[in-house]
PDB file of N, CA and C in Angstrom:
ATOM      1  N   MET A   1     -99.273-197.815  68.120  1.00  0.00           N
ATOM      2  CA  MET A   1     -98.378-198.917  67.890  1.00  0.00           C
ATOM      3  C   MET A   1     -97.180-198.413  67.083  1.00  0.00           C
ATOM      4  N   PRO A   2     -95.963-198.693  67.548  1.00  0.00           N
ATOM      5  CA  PRO A   2     -94.777-198.220  66.836  1.00  0.00           C
ATOM      6  C   PRO A   2     -94.583-198.968  65.517  1.00  0.00           C
ATOM      7  N   LYS A   3     -93.989-198.275  64.583  1.00  0.00           N
ATOM      8  CA  LYS A   3     -93.704-198.844  63.279  1.00  0.00           C
ATOM      9  C   LYS A   3     -92.256-199.330  63.262  1.00  0.00           C
ATOM     10  N   ILE A   4     -92.014-200.435  62.578  1.00  0.00           N
ATOM     11  CA  ILE A   4     -90.663-200.979  62.468  1.00  0.00           C
ATOM     12  C   ILE A   4     -90.136-200.711  61.067  1.00  0.00           C
ATOM     13  N   ASP A   5     -89.015-200.027  60.987  1.00  0.00           N
ATOM     14  CA  ASP A   5     -88.335-199.783  59.729  1.00  0.00           C
ATOM     15  C   ASP A   5     -87.035-200.577  59.728  1.00  0.00           C
ATOM     16  N   GLY A   6     -86.524-200.818  58.565  1.00  0.00           N
ATOM     17  CA  GLY A   6     -85.258-201.522  58.447  1.00  0.00           C
ATOM     18  C   GLY A   6     -84.145-200.582  58.027  1.00  0.00           C
ATOM     19  N   ALA A   7     -82.944-201.004  58.306  1.00  0.00           N
ATOM     20  CA  ALA A   7     -81.752-200.281  57.874  1.00  0.00           C
ATOM     21  C   ALA A   7     -80.704-201.318  57.517  1.00  0.00           C
ATOM     22  N   ILE A   8     -80.013-201.098  56.420  1.00  0.00           N
ATOM     23  CA  ILE A   8     -78.985-202.053  56.028  1.00  0.00           C
ATOM     24  C   ILE A   8     -77.614-201.395  56.044  1.00  0.00           C
ATOM     25  N   VAL A   9     -76.621-202.221  56.308  1.00  0.00           N
ATOM     26  CA  VAL A   9     -75.230-201.801  56.225  1.00  0.00           C
ATOM     27  C   VAL A   9     -74.542-202.792  55.304  1.00  0.00           C
ATOM     28  N   VAL A  10     -73.903-202.277  54.262  1.00  0.00           N
ATOM     29  CA  VAL A  10     -73.232-203.115  53.281  1.00  0.00           C
ATOM     30  C   VAL A  10     -71.722-202.989  53.474  1.00  0.00           C
ATOM     31  N   ASP A  11     -71.051-204.127  53.568  1.00  0.00           N
ATOM     32  CA  ASP A  11     -69.588-204.139  53.591  1.00  0.00           C
ATOM     33  C   ASP A  11     -69.133-203.967  52.144  1.00  0.00           C
ATOM     34  N   VAL A  12     -68.896-202.746  51.757  1.00  0.00           N
ATOM     35  CA  VAL A  12     -68.610-202.388  50.372  1.00  0.00           C
ATOM     36  C   VAL A  12     -67.389-203.118  49.833  1.00  0.00           C
ATOM     37  N   ASN A  13     -66.387-203.302  50.655  1.00  0.00           N
ATOM     38  CA  ASN A  13     -65.152-203.927  50.182  1.00  0.00           C
ATOM     39  C   ASN A  13     -65.295-205.418  49.925  1.00  0.00           C
ATOM     40  N   ARG A  14     -66.291-206.063  50.504  1.00  0.00           N
ATOM     41  CA  ARG A  14     -66.506-207.494  50.277  1.00  0.00           C
ATOM     42  C   ARG A  14     -67.508-207.772  49.176  1.00  0.00           C
ATOM     43  N   CYS A  15     -68.346-206.806  48.836  1.00  0.00           N
ATOM     44  CA  CYS A  15     -69.406-206.999  47.846  1.00  0.00           C
ATOM     45  C   CYS A  15     -68.798-207.178  46.459  1.00  0.00           C
ATOM     46  N   LYS A  16     -69.280-208.189  45.731  1.00  0.00           N
ATOM     47  CA  LYS A  16     -68.778-208.438  44.373  1.00  0.00           C
ATOM     48  C   LYS A  16     -69.808-208.096  43.304  1.00  0.00           C
ATOM     49  N   GLY A  17     -70.891-207.459  43.690  1.00  0.00           N
ATOM     50  CA  GLY A  17     -71.870-206.983  42.732  1.00  0.00           C
ATOM     51  C   GLY A  17     -72.623-208.072  42.001  1.00  0.00           C
ATOM     52  N   CYS A  18     -72.972-209.141  42.680  1.00  0.00           N
ATOM     53  CA  CYS A  18     -73.648-210.276  42.037  1.00  0.00           C
ATOM     54  C   CYS A  18     -75.113-209.979  41.719  1.00  0.00           C
ATOM     55  N   ASN A  19     -75.686-208.941  42.320  1.00  0.00           N
ATOM     56  CA  ASN A  19     -77.052-208.474  42.068  1.00  0.00           C
ATOM     57  C   ASN A  19     -78.140-209.355  42.697  1.00  0.00           C
ATOM     58  N   LEU A  20     -77.790-210.377  43.445  1.00  0.00           N
ATOM     59  CA  LEU A  20     -78.795-211.245  44.064  1.00  0.00           C
ATOM     60  C   LEU A  20     -79.635-210.489  45.085  1.00  0.00           C
ATOM     61  N   CYS A  21     -79.022-209.604  45.844  1.00  0.00           N
ATOM     62  CA  CYS A  21     -79.751-208.842  46.856  1.00  0.00           C
ATOM     63  C   CYS A  21     -80.752-207.886  46.217  1.00  0.00           C
ATOM     64  N   VAL A  22     -80.372-207.295  45.094  1.00  0.00           N
ATOM     65  CA  VAL A  22     -81.259-206.367  44.400  1.00  0.00           C
ATOM     66  C   VAL A  22     -82.513-207.096  43.922  1.00  0.00           C
ATOM     67  N   VAL A  23     -82.343-208.283  43.392  1.00  0.00           N
ATOM     68  CA  VAL A  23     -83.463-209.075  42.906  1.00  0.00           C
ATOM     69  C   VAL A  23     -84.337-209.559  44.061  1.00  0.00           C
ATOM     70  N   ALA A  24     -83.732-209.884  45.203  1.00  0.00           N
ATOM     71  CA  ALA A  24     -84.466-210.438  46.340  1.00  0.00           C
ATOM     72  C   ALA A  24     -85.245-209.394  47.133  1.00  0.00           C
ATOM     73  N   CYS A  25     -84.913-208.132  47.004  1.00  0.00           N
ATOM     74  CA  CYS A  25     -85.551-207.080  47.804  1.00  0.00           C
ATOM     75  C   CYS A  25     -86.990-206.845  47.352  1.00  0.00           C
ATOM     76  N   PRO A  26     -87.969-207.086  48.234  1.00  0.00           N
ATOM     77  CA  PRO A  26     -89.376-206.915  47.849  1.00  0.00           C
ATOM     78  C   PRO A  26     -89.806-205.451  47.703  1.00  0.00           C
ATOM     79  N   THR A  27     -89.049-204.533  48.298  1.00  0.00           N
ATOM     80  CA  THR A  27     -89.418-203.116  48.217  1.00  0.00           C
ATOM     81  C   THR A  27     -88.546-202.342  47.225  1.00  0.00           C
ATOM     82  N   HIS A  28     -87.661-203.030  46.522  1.00  0.00           N
ATOM     83  CA  HIS A  28     -86.774-202.412  45.529  1.00  0.00           C
ATOM     84  C   HIS A  28     -85.958-201.280  46.139  1.00  0.00           C
ATOM     85  N   THR A  29     -85.425-201.551  47.319  1.00  0.00           N
ATOM     86  CA  THR A  29     -84.654-200.567  48.050  1.00  0.00           C
ATOM     87  C   THR A  29     -83.180-200.577  47.663  1.00  0.00           C
ATOM     88  N   LEU A  30     -82.705-201.672  47.113  1.00  0.00           N
ATOM     89  CA  LEU A  30     -81.289-201.800  46.784  1.00  0.00           C
ATOM     90  C   LEU A  30     -81.037-201.657  45.299  1.00  0.00           C
ATOM     91  N   SER A  31     -79.838-201.180  44.977  1.00  0.00           N
ATOM     92  CA  SER A  31     -79.390-201.142  43.587  1.00  0.00           C
ATOM     93  C   SER A  31     -77.865-201.208  43.585  1.00  0.00           C
ATOM     94  N   LEU A  32     -77.309-201.530  42.433  1.00  0.00           N
ATOM     95  CA  LEU A  32     -75.862-201.523  42.289  1.00  0.00           C
ATOM     96  C   LEU A  32     -75.412-200.128  41.893  1.00  0.00           C
ATOM     97  N   THR A  33     -74.245-199.734  42.372  1.00  0.00           N
ATOM     98  CA  THR A  33     -73.704-198.431  41.999  1.00  0.00           C
ATOM     99  C   THR A  33     -73.394-198.427  40.512  1.00  0.00           C
ATOM    100  N   THR A  34     -73.473-197.285  39.907  1.00  0.00           N
ATOM    101  CA  THR A  34     -73.169-197.190  38.483  1.00  0.00           C
ATOM    102  C   THR A  34     -71.873-196.442  38.214  1.00  0.00           C
ATOM    103  N   LYS A  35     -71.497-195.550  39.111  1.00  0.00           N
ATOM    104  CA  LYS A  35     -70.312-194.725  38.870  1.00  0.00           C
ATOM    105  C   LYS A  35     -69.134-195.058  39.770  1.00  0.00           C
ATOM    106  N   GLU A  36     -69.368-195.834  40.825  1.00  0.00           N
ATOM    107  CA  GLU A  36     -68.294-196.134  41.767  1.00  0.00           C
ATOM    108  C   GLU A  36     -68.045-197.630  41.821  1.00  0.00           C
ATOM    109  N   VAL A  37     -66.817-198.001  42.145  1.00  0.00           N
ATOM    110  CA  VAL A  37     -66.450-199.396  42.339  1.00  0.00           C
ATOM    111  C   VAL A  37     -65.664-199.510  43.640  1.00  0.00           C
ATOM    112  N   ASN A  38     -65.636-200.725  44.198  1.00  0.00           N
ATOM    113  CA  ASN A  38     -64.858-200.934  45.414  1.00  0.00           C
ATOM    114  C   ASN A  38     -63.390-201.186  45.046  1.00  0.00           C
ATOM    115  N   HIS A  39     -62.575-201.505  46.024  1.00  0.00           N
ATOM    116  CA  HIS A  39     -61.140-201.659  45.765  1.00  0.00           C
ATOM    117  C   HIS A  39     -60.817-202.880  44.895  1.00  0.00           C
ATOM    118  N   LYS A  40     -61.781-203.788  44.727  1.00  0.00           N
ATOM    119  CA  LYS A  40     -61.583-204.941  43.846  1.00  0.00           C
ATOM    120  C   LYS A  40     -62.062-204.656  42.424  1.00  0.00           C
ATOM    121  N   GLY A  41     -62.702-203.521  42.213  1.00  0.00           N
ATOM    122  CA  GLY A  41     -63.182-203.149  40.893  1.00  0.00           C
ATOM    123  C   GLY A  41     -64.618-203.543  40.599  1.00  0.00           C
ATOM    124  N   TYR A  42     -65.371-203.938  41.621  1.00  0.00           N
ATOM    125  CA  TYR A  42     -66.760-204.347  41.444  1.00  0.00           C
ATOM    126  C   TYR A  42     -67.716-203.209  41.781  1.00  0.00           C
ATOM    127  N   HIS A  43     -68.812-203.127  41.048  1.00  0.00           N
ATOM    128  CA  HIS A  43     -69.911-202.250  41.451  1.00  0.00           C
ATOM    129  C   HIS A  43     -70.574-202.931  42.645  1.00  0.00           C
ATOM    130  N   TYR A  44     -70.849-202.200  43.684  1.00  0.00           N
ATOM    131  CA  TYR A  44     -71.386-202.770  44.914  1.00  0.00           C
ATOM    132  C   TYR A  44     -72.825-202.322  45.125  1.00  0.00           C
ATOM    133  N   CYS A  45     -73.541-203.026  45.987  1.00  0.00           N
ATOM    134  CA  CYS A  45     -74.933-202.665  46.253  1.00  0.00           C
ATOM    135  C   CYS A  45     -74.993-201.538  47.270  1.00  0.00           C
ATOM    136  N   GLU A  46     -76.063-200.767  47.167  1.00  0.00           N
ATOM    137  CA  GLU A  46     -76.270-199.654  48.092  1.00  0.00           C
ATOM    138  C   GLU A  46     -77.759-199.453  48.309  1.00  0.00           C
ATOM    139  N   ASP A  47     -78.087-198.844  49.418  1.00  0.00           N
ATOM    140  CA  ASP A  47     -79.468-198.493  49.745  1.00  0.00           C
ATOM    141  C   ASP A  47     -79.833-197.245  48.940  1.00  0.00           C
ATOM    142  N   THR A  48     -80.912-197.320  48.194  1.00  0.00           N
ATOM    143  CA  THR A  48     -81.295-196.189  47.345  1.00  0.00           C
ATOM    144  C   THR A  48     -82.128-195.160  48.085  1.00  0.00           C
ATOM    145  N   GLY A  49     -82.254-195.300  49.384  1.00  0.00           N
ATOM    146  CA  GLY A  49     -82.916-194.267  50.167  1.00  0.00           C
ATOM    147  C   GLY A  49     -84.291-194.614  50.675  1.00  0.00           C
ATOM    148  N   GLY A  50     -84.338-195.292  51.776  1.00  0.00           N
ATOM    149  CA  GLY A  50     -85.608-195.569  52.430  1.00  0.00           C
ATOM    150  C   GLY A  50     -86.401-196.691  51.802  1.00  0.00           C
ATOM    151  N   GLY A  51     -87.420-197.103  52.487  1.00  0.00           N
ATOM    152  CA  GLY A  51     -88.291-198.158  52.008  1.00  0.00           C
ATOM    153  C   GLY A  51     -87.963-199.529  52.563  1.00  0.00           C
ATOM    154  N   CYS A  52     -86.836-199.666  53.226  1.00  0.00           N
ATOM    155  CA  CYS A  52     -86.451-200.961  53.791  1.00  0.00           C
ATOM    156  C   CYS A  52     -87.400-201.339  54.919  1.00  0.00           C
ATOM    157  N   ILE A  53     -87.900-202.568  54.885  1.00  0.00           N
ATOM    158  CA  ILE A  53     -88.819-203.049  55.915  1.00  0.00           C
ATOM    159  C   ILE A  53     -88.141-203.998  56.898  1.00  0.00           C
ATOM    160  N   GLY A  54     -86.862-204.258  56.697  1.00  0.00           N
ATOM    161  CA  GLY A  54     -86.115-205.116  57.621  1.00  0.00           C
ATOM    162  C   GLY A  54     -86.377-206.591  57.460  1.00  0.00           C
ATOM    163  N   CYS A  55     -86.794-207.030  56.280  1.00  0.00           N
ATOM    164  CA  CYS A  55     -87.138-208.447  56.073  1.00  0.00           C
ATOM    165  C   CYS A  55     -85.909-209.347  56.004  1.00  0.00           C
ATOM    166  N   ALA A  56     -84.756-208.797  55.710  1.00  0.00           N
ATOM    167  CA  ALA A  56     -83.468-209.507  55.637  1.00  0.00           C
ATOM    168  C   ALA A  56     -83.358-210.466  54.456  1.00  0.00           C
ATOM    169  N   SER A  57     -84.216-210.342  53.465  1.00  0.00           N
ATOM    170  CA  SER A  57     -84.097-211.177  52.272  1.00  0.00           C
ATOM    171  C   SER A  57     -82.765-210.954  51.576  1.00  0.00           C
ATOM    172  N   CYS A  58     -82.312-209.723  51.538  1.00  0.00           N
ATOM    173  CA  CYS A  58     -81.040-209.410  50.898  1.00  0.00           C
ATOM    174  C   CYS A  58     -79.874-210.092  51.610  1.00  0.00           C
ATOM    175  N   ALA A  59     -79.889-210.052  52.931  1.00  0.00           N
ATOM    176  CA  ALA A  59     -78.806-210.659  53.704  1.00  0.00           C
ATOM    177  C   ALA A  59     -78.813-212.180  53.592  1.00  0.00           C
ATOM    178  N   ILE A  60     -79.993-212.768  53.463  1.00  0.00           N
ATOM    179  CA  ILE A  60     -80.102-214.219  53.367  1.00  0.00           C
ATOM    180  C   ILE A  60     -79.521-214.730  52.053  1.00  0.00           C
ATOM    181  N   VAL A  61     -79.765-214.027  50.957  1.00  0.00           N
ATOM    182  CA  VAL A  61     -79.300-214.498  49.654  1.00  0.00           C
ATOM    183  C   VAL A  61     -77.869-214.077  49.330  1.00  0.00           C
ATOM    184  N   CYS A  62     -77.296-213.180  50.086  1.00  0.00           N
ATOM    185  CA  CYS A  62     -75.938-212.698  49.812  1.00  0.00           C
ATOM    186  C   CYS A  62     -74.924-213.827  50.032  1.00  0.00           C
ATOM    187  N   PRO A  63     -74.224-214.257  48.972  1.00  0.00           N
ATOM    188  CA  PRO A  63     -73.283-215.374  49.118  1.00  0.00           C
ATOM    189  C   PRO A  63     -72.029-215.021  49.906  1.00  0.00           C
ATOM    190  N   ASP A  64     -71.734-213.748  50.045  1.00  0.00           N
ATOM    191  CA  ASP A  64     -70.525-213.325  50.748  1.00  0.00           C
ATOM    192  C   ASP A  64     -70.799-212.693  52.104  1.00  0.00           C
ATOM    193  N   ALA A  65     -72.044-212.725  52.560  1.00  0.00           N
ATOM    194  CA  ALA A  65     -72.448-212.173  53.855  1.00  0.00           C
ATOM    195  C   ALA A  65     -71.989-210.730  54.023  1.00  0.00           C
ATOM    196  N   CYS A  66     -72.244-209.926  53.021  1.00  0.00           N
ATOM    197  CA  CYS A  66     -71.833-208.522  53.023  1.00  0.00           C
ATOM    198  C   CYS A  66     -72.857-207.590  53.646  1.00  0.00           C
ATOM    199  N   ILE A  67     -74.078-208.082  53.850  1.00  0.00           N
ATOM    200  CA  ILE A  67     -75.171-207.209  54.265  1.00  0.00           C
ATOM    201  C   ILE A  67     -75.620-207.545  55.681  1.00  0.00           C
ATOM    202  N   THR A  68     -75.730-206.513  56.497  1.00  0.00           N
ATOM    203  CA  THR A  68     -76.277-206.646  57.838  1.00  0.00           C
ATOM    204  C   THR A  68     -77.560-205.825  57.882  1.00  0.00           C
ATOM    205  N   VAL A  69     -78.619-206.427  58.401  1.00  0.00           N
ATOM    206  CA  VAL A  69     -79.915-205.747  58.461  1.00  0.00           C
ATOM    207  C   VAL A  69     -80.256-205.446  59.913  1.00  0.00           C
ATOM    208  N   TYR A  70     -80.656-204.221  60.161  1.00  0.00           N
ATOM    209  CA  TYR A  70     -81.083-203.799  61.484  1.00  0.00           C
ATOM    210  C   TYR A  70     -82.532-203.381  61.416  1.00  0.00           C
ATOM    211  N   LYS A  71     -83.251-203.619  62.477  1.00  0.00           N
ATOM    212  CA  LYS A  71     -84.635-203.149  62.593  1.00  0.00           C
ATOM    213  C   LYS A  71     -84.652-202.014  63.610  1.00  0.00           C
ATOM    214  N   LYS A  72     -85.321-200.931  63.256  1.00  0.00           N
ATOM    215  CA  LYS A  72     -85.397-199.799  64.171  1.00  0.00           C
ATOM    216  C   LYS A  72     -86.846-199.380  64.341  1.00  0.00           C
ATOM    217  N   ARG A  73     -87.191-199.049  65.524  1.00  0.00           N
ATOM    218  CA  ARG A  73     -88.552-198.658  65.872  1.00  0.00           C
ATOM    219  C   ARG A  73     -88.716-197.152  65.652  1.00  0.00           C
ATOM    220  N   THR A  74     -89.770-196.799  64.947  1.00  0.00           N
ATOM    221  CA  THR A  74     -90.091-195.383  64.747  1.00  0.00           C
ATOM    222  C   THR A  74     -91.487-195.128  65.303  1.00  0.00           C
ATOM    223  N   GLU A  75     -91.686-193.965  65.782  1.00  0.00           N
ATOM    224  CA  GLU A  75     -92.981-193.597  66.388  1.00  0.00           C
ATOM    225  C   GLU A  75     -93.809-192.817  65.413  1.00  0.00           C
TER     226      GLU A  75
END
């Protein structure tokens, strides 16, 4: 049976760093950047490297619709 992994894409320029997605993520896959900011001066969310299950909780709570979640099949 194939395994389903998730992948997220964050629109960095629209993210205002509200941290709602980080709190909503059940696998603690997201975090806010600490050293970089977007063109508006906000720390933005980023994938900290794997662990995403594709539940889309982050995208649902994002008030600015900055996050797109994809599900990918792995063997």
